[in-house]
Amino acid sequence: MPERADDTSVELPQRHTGKGLGLVLVALYGLFALAATGRATFQIIADFGRAPVAYLLSALAAVIYLVATVALARGDQTSVRVARIAITTEMVGVLVVGLVSYLVPSEFPDKTVWSHFGAGYGYVPLVLPVLGLLWLRRTQQTLP
């Protein structure tokens, strides 16, 4: 009987981040990229002086959603790192902006994507980064 090499560090082929359930995440991130871009563009053009911080944060959210969408869809090693950074930044943004929008409501006279933890979007902005990070973790598992 031939001897087997004792290689316990064999890696599973990585699941592509933009396939299967990941395709749903890519679609959601794409939808939020469009929604945040539209909202930020309208708010900045229509009445920037009313709440510049809030409107610029909406524009930042749009960029982060766009980066996450492309990175998840590509799914290569570098893109996964970019997606992880973008989604982690998104999570921090939702938590910080959500909290500040309650503590200093005068800075958020209009709803933004992340204000009030994404209440205006059914709290999806609060849940989406958690799902995104869990998906990235699941697609990067290796055999023991």
Protein backbone atom coordinates (compact mmCIF):
# COMPACT_ATOMS: atom_id res chain seq x y z
CA MET A 1 0.00 0.00 0.00
CA PRO A 2 1.52 3.35 -1.01
CA GLU A 3 2.28 5.78 1.76
CA ARG A 4 0.47 9.10 1.80
CA ALA A 5 2.25 12.30 2.43
CA ASP A 6 1.25 13.74 5.77
CA ASP A 7 0.07 17.12 4.51
CA THR A 8 -2.71 18.35 6.78
CA SER A 9 -2.55 21.91 5.47
CA VAL A 10 -4.40 21.12 2.24
CA GLU A 11 -6.67 24.00 1.37
CA LEU A 12 -10.17 23.65 0.00
CA PRO A 13 -10.73 25.46 -3.24
CA GLN A 14 -12.03 28.82 -2.14
CA ARG A 15 -15.64 29.51 -2.92
CA HIS A 16 -16.08 32.52 -5.11
CA THR A 17 -17.51 35.45 -3.17
CA GLY A 18 -19.79 36.47 -6.03
CA LYS A 19 -21.48 33.10 -6.61
CA GLY A 20 -24.39 31.40 -4.87
CA LEU A 21 -25.52 33.36 -1.83
CA GLY A 22 -22.72 35.80 -2.63
CA LEU A 23 -24.62 36.81 -5.76
CA VAL A 24 -27.45 38.04 -3.53
CA LEU A 25 -24.93 40.09 -1.52
CA VAL A 26 -23.45 41.53 -4.71
CA ALA A 27 -26.95 42.51 -5.85
CA LEU A 28 -27.78 44.10 -2.49
CA TYR A 29 -24.51 46.01 -2.40
CA GLY A 30 -25.11 47.13 -5.98
CA LEU A 31 -28.62 48.30 -5.10
CA PHE A 32 -27.32 50.22 -2.11
CA ALA A 33 -24.53 51.72 -4.20
CA LEU A 34 -27.15 53.07 -6.61
CA ALA A 35 -29.51 54.21 -3.86
CA ALA A 36 -26.80 55.95 -1.84
CA THR A 37 -25.34 57.58 -4.96
CA GLY A 38 -28.74 58.88 -6.01
CA ARG A 39 -29.63 60.15 -2.58
CA ALA A 40 -26.25 61.80 -1.97
CA THR A 41 -26.19 63.41 -5.40
CA PHE A 42 -29.67 64.82 -4.97
CA GLN A 43 -28.98 66.06 -1.43
CA ILE A 44 -25.67 67.68 -2.37
CA ILE A 45 -27.09 69.41 -5.45
CA ALA A 46 -30.44 70.41 -3.94
CA ASP A 47 -29.49 71.68 -0.49
CA PHE A 48 -25.87 71.05 0.49
CA GLY A 49 -25.84 73.90 3.07
CA ARG A 50 -28.63 72.29 5.09
CA ALA A 51 -26.55 69.32 6.32
CA PRO A 52 -23.16 69.09 4.61
CA VAL A 53 -21.74 66.50 7.00
CA ALA A 54 -24.70 64.17 6.56
CA TYR A 55 -24.73 64.54 2.78
CA LEU A 56 -20.99 63.95 2.46
CA LEU A 57 -21.36 60.85 4.63
CA SER A 58 -24.05 59.62 2.22
CA ALA A 59 -21.59 60.13 -0.63
CA LEU A 60 -18.91 58.23 1.31
CA ALA A 61 -21.39 55.39 1.91
CA ALA A 62 -22.09 55.29 -1.83
CA VAL A 63 -18.38 54.91 -2.61
CA ILE A 64 -17.96 52.19 0.01
CA TYR A 65 -20.97 50.28 -1.33
CA LEU A 66 -19.60 50.55 -4.86
CA VAL A 67 -16.16 49.29 -3.82
CA ALA A 68 -17.72 46.39 -1.86
CA THR A 69 -19.94 45.48 -4.83
CA VAL A 70 -17.05 45.28 -7.28
CA ALA A 71 -14.74 43.50 -4.84
CA LEU A 72 -17.33 40.87 -3.92
CA ALA A 73 -18.19 40.31 -7.58
CA ARG A 74 -14.54 39.85 -8.57
CA GLY A 75 -13.73 37.48 -5.73
CA ASP A 76 -9.98 37.11 -6.27
CA GLN A 77 -7.60 37.24 -3.31
CA THR A 78 -6.89 40.97 -3.54
CA SER A 79 -10.57 41.78 -4.07
CA VAL A 80 -11.50 39.78 -0.98
CA ARG A 81 -9.07 41.89 1.07
CA VAL A 82 -10.54 45.07 -0.43
CA ALA A 83 -14.07 43.82 0.26
CA ARG A 84 -13.17 43.02 3.88
CA ILE A 85 -11.76 46.54 4.39
CA ALA A 86 -14.74 48.20 2.67
CA ILE A 87 -17.32 46.17 4.59
CA THR A 88 -15.55 46.69 7.92
CA THR A 89 -15.43 50.43 7.20
CA GLU A 90 -19.13 50.28 6.34
CA MET A 91 -19.92 48.58 9.66
CA VAL A 92 -17.97 51.16 11.63
CA GLY A 93 -19.65 53.93 9.63
CA VAL A 94 -23.15 52.62 10.29
CA LEU A 95 -22.46 52.26 14.01
CA VAL A 96 -20.74 55.64 14.44
CA VAL A 97 -23.10 57.64 12.21
CA GLY A 98 -26.09 55.83 13.68
CA LEU A 99 -25.07 56.77 17.20
CA VAL A 100 -24.11 60.36 16.33
CA SER A 101 -27.40 60.87 14.47
CA TYR A 102 -29.23 60.18 17.75
CA LEU A 103 -26.82 62.16 19.94
CA VAL A 104 -26.53 65.21 17.63
CA PRO A 105 -29.73 65.18 15.58
CA SER A 106 -29.13 68.74 14.36
CA GLU A 107 -26.32 67.39 12.11
CA PHE A 108 -28.80 65.00 10.47
CA PRO A 109 -31.93 67.00 9.59
CA ASP A 110 -32.52 64.67 6.63
CA LYS A 111 -32.18 60.91 6.59
CA THR A 112 -29.03 59.42 5.20
CA VAL A 113 -28.16 55.81 4.45
CA TRP A 114 -26.42 55.30 7.78
CA SER A 115 -28.28 57.74 10.05
CA HIS A 116 -30.32 56.14 12.80
CA PHE A 117 -28.54 52.86 12.00
CA GLY A 118 -30.16 52.72 8.57
CA ALA A 119 -33.74 53.08 9.83
CA GLY A 120 -34.80 54.77 6.59
CA TYR A 121 -33.69 51.65 4.71
CA GLY A 122 -35.28 49.08 7.02
CA TYR A 123 -32.04 48.67 9.00
CA VAL A 124 -30.51 46.79 6.07
CA PRO A 125 -27.39 49.01 6.29
CA LEU A 126 -26.90 47.69 9.83
CA VAL A 127 -27.36 44.02 8.88
CA LEU A 128 -25.62 44.04 5.48
CA PRO A 129 -22.02 44.41 6.72
CA VAL A 130 -22.54 41.60 9.23
CA LEU A 131 -23.77 39.32 6.44
CA GLY A 132 -20.95 40.48 4.17
CA LEU A 133 -18.23 39.73 6.71
CA LEU A 134 -19.78 36.35 7.57
CA TRP A 135 -19.88 35.49 3.85
CA LEU A 136 -16.25 36.48 3.38
CA ARG A 137 -15.30 34.34 6.35
CA ARG A 138 -17.28 31.37 5.02
CA THR A 139 -15.76 31.56 1.56
CA GLN A 140 -12.21 31.62 2.94
CA GLN A 141 -12.32 28.46 5.11
CA THR A 142 -9.63 25.79 4.85
CA LEU A 143 -9.40 22.16 5.91
CA PRO A 144 -7.85 21.50 9.34
